[in-house]
């Protein structure tokens, strides 16, 4: 299936406004993230993982964050 053209726009918006995105859509998770630390977008790693898996891919963006408790 060809990649949807609107997909890149959403990815760029999430990258630009990641803290706001997480706080709005996932407030319970956002409380545990230390947003003072830099986040790392792992698009290449997600691509490698999803190629190995079977079935349909549902995740488009993989982000590494630091947790407030140091995790």
N, C-alpha and C. Protein backbone atom coordinates (compact mmCIF):
# COMPACT_ATOMS: atom_id res chain seq x y z
N UNK A 1 0.84 -1.17 0.00
CA UNK A 1 0.00 0.00 0.00
C UNK A 1 0.90 1.24 0.00
N UNK A 2 0.65 2.20 -0.90
CA UNK A 2 1.48 3.40 -0.94
C UNK A 2 1.29 4.25 0.31
N UNK A 3 2.36 4.92 0.68
CA UNK A 3 2.34 5.78 1.87
C UNK A 3 1.42 6.97 1.63
N UNK A 4 0.60 7.28 2.61
CA UNK A 4 -0.31 8.42 2.49
C UNK A 4 0.50 9.71 2.48
N UNK A 5 0.08 10.66 1.68
CA UNK A 5 0.83 11.91 1.54
C UNK A 5 0.72 12.79 2.78
N UNK A 6 -0.37 12.68 3.53
CA UNK A 6 -0.55 13.50 4.72
C UNK A 6 0.30 13.00 5.89
N UNK A 7 0.84 11.82 5.78
CA UNK A 7 1.59 11.19 6.86
C UNK A 7 2.79 12.04 7.29
N UNK A 8 3.55 12.55 6.35
CA UNK A 8 4.75 13.33 6.67
C UNK A 8 4.40 14.60 7.43
N UNK A 9 3.29 15.23 7.08
CA UNK A 9 2.86 16.44 7.78
C UNK A 9 2.59 16.17 9.25
N UNK A 10 1.93 15.06 9.53
CA UNK A 10 1.65 14.68 10.92
C UNK A 10 2.94 14.39 11.67
N UNK A 11 3.85 13.69 11.03
CA UNK A 11 5.13 13.39 11.69
C UNK A 11 5.89 14.66 12.02
N UNK A 12 5.91 15.61 11.11
CA UNK A 12 6.60 16.88 11.36
C UNK A 12 5.93 17.66 12.49
N UNK A 13 4.60 17.64 12.53
CA UNK A 13 3.88 18.32 13.61
C UNK A 13 4.20 17.68 14.96
N UNK A 14 4.24 16.36 15.00
CA UNK A 14 4.56 15.66 16.25
C UNK A 14 5.99 15.99 16.68
N UNK A 15 6.91 16.03 15.74
CA UNK A 15 8.30 16.38 16.07
C UNK A 15 8.39 17.81 16.62
N UNK A 16 7.71 18.73 15.97
CA UNK A 16 7.79 20.14 16.35
C UNK A 16 7.11 20.42 17.70
N UNK A 17 6.05 19.68 17.99
CA UNK A 17 5.25 19.93 19.19
C UNK A 17 5.12 18.69 20.05
N UNK A 18 6.20 17.92 20.16
CA UNK A 18 6.11 16.64 20.87
C UNK A 18 5.62 16.76 22.31
N UNK A 19 6.17 17.66 23.14
CA UNK A 19 5.67 17.74 24.52
C UNK A 19 4.18 18.09 24.57
N UNK A 20 3.76 19.03 23.74
CA UNK A 20 2.35 19.41 23.72
C UNK A 20 1.47 18.26 23.24
N UNK A 21 1.95 17.54 22.23
CA UNK A 21 1.21 16.40 21.69
C UNK A 21 0.98 15.34 22.77
N UNK A 22 2.05 14.98 23.48
CA UNK A 22 1.94 13.95 24.51
C UNK A 22 1.07 14.43 25.67
N UNK A 23 1.26 15.68 26.08
CA UNK A 23 0.45 16.20 27.19
C UNK A 23 -1.03 16.21 26.85
N UNK A 24 -1.38 16.52 25.61
CA UNK A 24 -2.78 16.59 25.21
C UNK A 24 -3.40 15.20 25.02
N UNK A 25 -2.72 14.34 24.25
CA UNK A 25 -3.29 13.04 23.90
C UNK A 25 -3.02 11.94 24.93
N UNK A 26 -1.93 12.05 25.68
CA UNK A 26 -1.54 11.02 26.64
C UNK A 26 -1.14 11.65 27.98
N UNK A 27 -2.05 12.35 28.65
CA UNK A 27 -1.68 13.08 29.87
C UNK A 27 -1.14 12.18 30.98
N UNK A 28 -1.64 10.97 31.11
CA UNK A 28 -1.14 10.06 32.15
C UNK A 28 0.32 9.67 31.91
N UNK A 29 0.67 9.48 30.66
CA UNK A 29 2.05 9.14 30.30
C UNK A 29 2.94 10.38 30.42
N UNK A 30 2.43 11.53 30.00
CA UNK A 30 3.21 12.77 30.01
C UNK A 30 3.70 13.12 31.41
N UNK A 31 2.95 12.79 32.42
CA UNK A 31 3.35 13.09 33.80
C UNK A 31 4.65 12.39 34.20
N UNK A 32 5.00 11.33 33.52
CA UNK A 32 6.19 10.55 33.85
C UNK A 32 7.42 10.95 33.02
N UNK A 33 7.22 11.77 31.99
CA UNK A 33 8.31 12.14 31.08
C UNK A 33 9.00 13.41 31.57
N UNK A 34 10.32 13.40 31.53
CA UNK A 34 11.12 14.58 31.87
C UNK A 34 11.35 15.36 30.57
N UNK A 35 10.51 16.36 30.33
CA UNK A 35 10.58 17.12 29.09
C UNK A 35 11.74 18.13 29.09
N UNK A 36 12.46 18.26 30.20
CA UNK A 36 13.64 19.12 30.20
C UNK A 36 14.82 18.44 29.51
N UNK A 37 14.72 17.14 29.33
CA UNK A 37 15.75 16.36 28.62
C UNK A 37 15.36 16.25 27.15
N UNK A 38 16.36 16.10 26.32
CA UNK A 38 16.13 15.98 24.88
C UNK A 38 15.48 14.63 24.55
N UNK A 39 14.54 14.65 23.63
CA UNK A 39 13.93 13.41 23.15
C UNK A 39 14.67 12.98 21.88
N UNK A 40 14.61 11.70 21.58
CA UNK A 40 15.30 11.16 20.40
C UNK A 40 14.29 10.41 19.55
N UNK A 41 14.14 10.83 18.30
CA UNK A 41 13.24 10.17 17.36
C UNK A 41 14.00 9.05 16.68
N UNK A 42 13.46 7.85 16.76
CA UNK A 42 14.16 6.64 16.29
C UNK A 42 13.47 6.05 15.06
N UNK A 43 13.36 6.84 14.01
CA UNK A 43 12.67 6.40 12.80
C UNK A 43 13.35 5.22 12.14
N UNK A 44 14.68 5.24 12.07
CA UNK A 44 15.40 4.13 11.42
C UNK A 44 15.26 2.85 12.21
N UNK A 45 15.31 2.97 13.54
CA UNK A 45 15.15 1.78 14.39
C UNK A 45 13.75 1.20 14.25
N UNK A 46 12.74 2.06 14.18
CA UNK A 46 11.37 1.59 14.01
C UNK A 46 11.22 0.87 12.68
N UNK A 47 11.85 1.40 11.66
CA UNK A 47 11.78 0.78 10.34
C UNK A 47 12.37 -0.63 10.37
N UNK A 48 13.49 -0.80 11.07
CA UNK A 48 14.11 -2.12 11.18
C UNK A 48 13.24 -3.09 11.97
N UNK A 49 12.66 -2.61 13.05
CA UNK A 49 11.80 -3.46 13.89
C UNK A 49 10.56 -3.88 13.12
N UNK A 50 9.92 -2.93 12.45
CA UNK A 50 8.65 -3.23 11.79
C UNK A 50 8.83 -4.14 10.57
N UNK A 51 9.99 -4.10 9.94
CA UNK A 51 10.23 -5.01 8.81
C UNK A 51 10.31 -6.46 9.27
N UNK A 52 10.78 -6.66 10.50
CA UNK A 52 10.91 -8.01 11.04
C UNK A 52 9.57 -8.58 11.48
N UNK A 53 8.66 -7.70 11.87
CA UNK A 53 7.37 -8.16 12.40
C UNK A 53 6.44 -8.62 11.30
N UNK A 54 5.44 -9.35 11.71
CA UNK A 54 4.44 -9.83 10.77
C UNK A 54 3.19 -8.96 10.88
N UNK A 55 2.43 -8.93 9.82
CA UNK A 55 1.16 -8.20 9.87
C UNK A 55 1.32 -6.72 9.57
N UNK A 56 0.25 -6.02 9.83
CA UNK A 56 0.19 -4.60 9.52
C UNK A 56 0.92 -3.75 10.55
N UNK A 57 1.60 -2.75 10.10
CA UNK A 57 2.32 -1.83 10.99
C UNK A 57 1.37 -0.72 11.43
N UNK A 58 1.32 -0.47 12.72
CA UNK A 58 0.44 0.58 13.24
C UNK A 58 1.20 1.78 13.76
N UNK A 59 2.43 1.60 14.17
CA UNK A 59 3.23 2.71 14.69
C UNK A 59 3.96 3.40 13.54
N UNK A 60 4.01 4.71 13.59
CA UNK A 60 4.73 5.48 12.58
C UNK A 60 5.95 6.18 13.14
N UNK A 61 5.93 6.43 14.44
CA UNK A 61 7.01 7.19 15.05
C UNK A 61 7.41 6.54 16.36
N UNK A 62 8.69 6.38 16.56
CA UNK A 62 9.23 5.83 17.80
C UNK A 62 10.09 6.92 18.44
N UNK A 63 9.82 7.20 19.72
CA UNK A 63 10.51 8.29 20.41
C UNK A 63 11.10 7.77 21.71
N UNK A 64 12.37 8.07 21.93
CA UNK A 64 13.04 7.72 23.18
C UNK A 64 12.99 8.94 24.09
N UNK A 65 12.45 8.76 25.30
CA UNK A 65 12.32 9.86 26.26
C UNK A 65 13.00 9.48 27.57
N UNK A 66 13.29 10.49 28.37
CA UNK A 66 13.80 10.27 29.73
C UNK A 66 12.63 10.39 30.69
N UNK A 67 12.63 9.55 31.70
CA UNK A 67 11.55 9.59 32.68
C UNK A 67 11.98 10.41 33.89
N UNK A 68 11.01 10.97 34.56
CA UNK A 68 11.29 11.81 35.74
C UNK A 68 11.96 11.02 36.86
N UNK A 69 11.66 9.73 36.95
CA UNK A 69 12.26 8.92 38.01
C UNK A 69 13.64 8.39 37.62
N UNK A 70 14.17 8.87 36.49
CA UNK A 70 15.50 8.47 36.05
C UNK A 70 15.52 7.29 35.12
N UNK A 71 14.37 6.68 34.85
CA UNK A 71 14.29 5.52 33.98
C UNK A 71 14.39 5.85 32.52
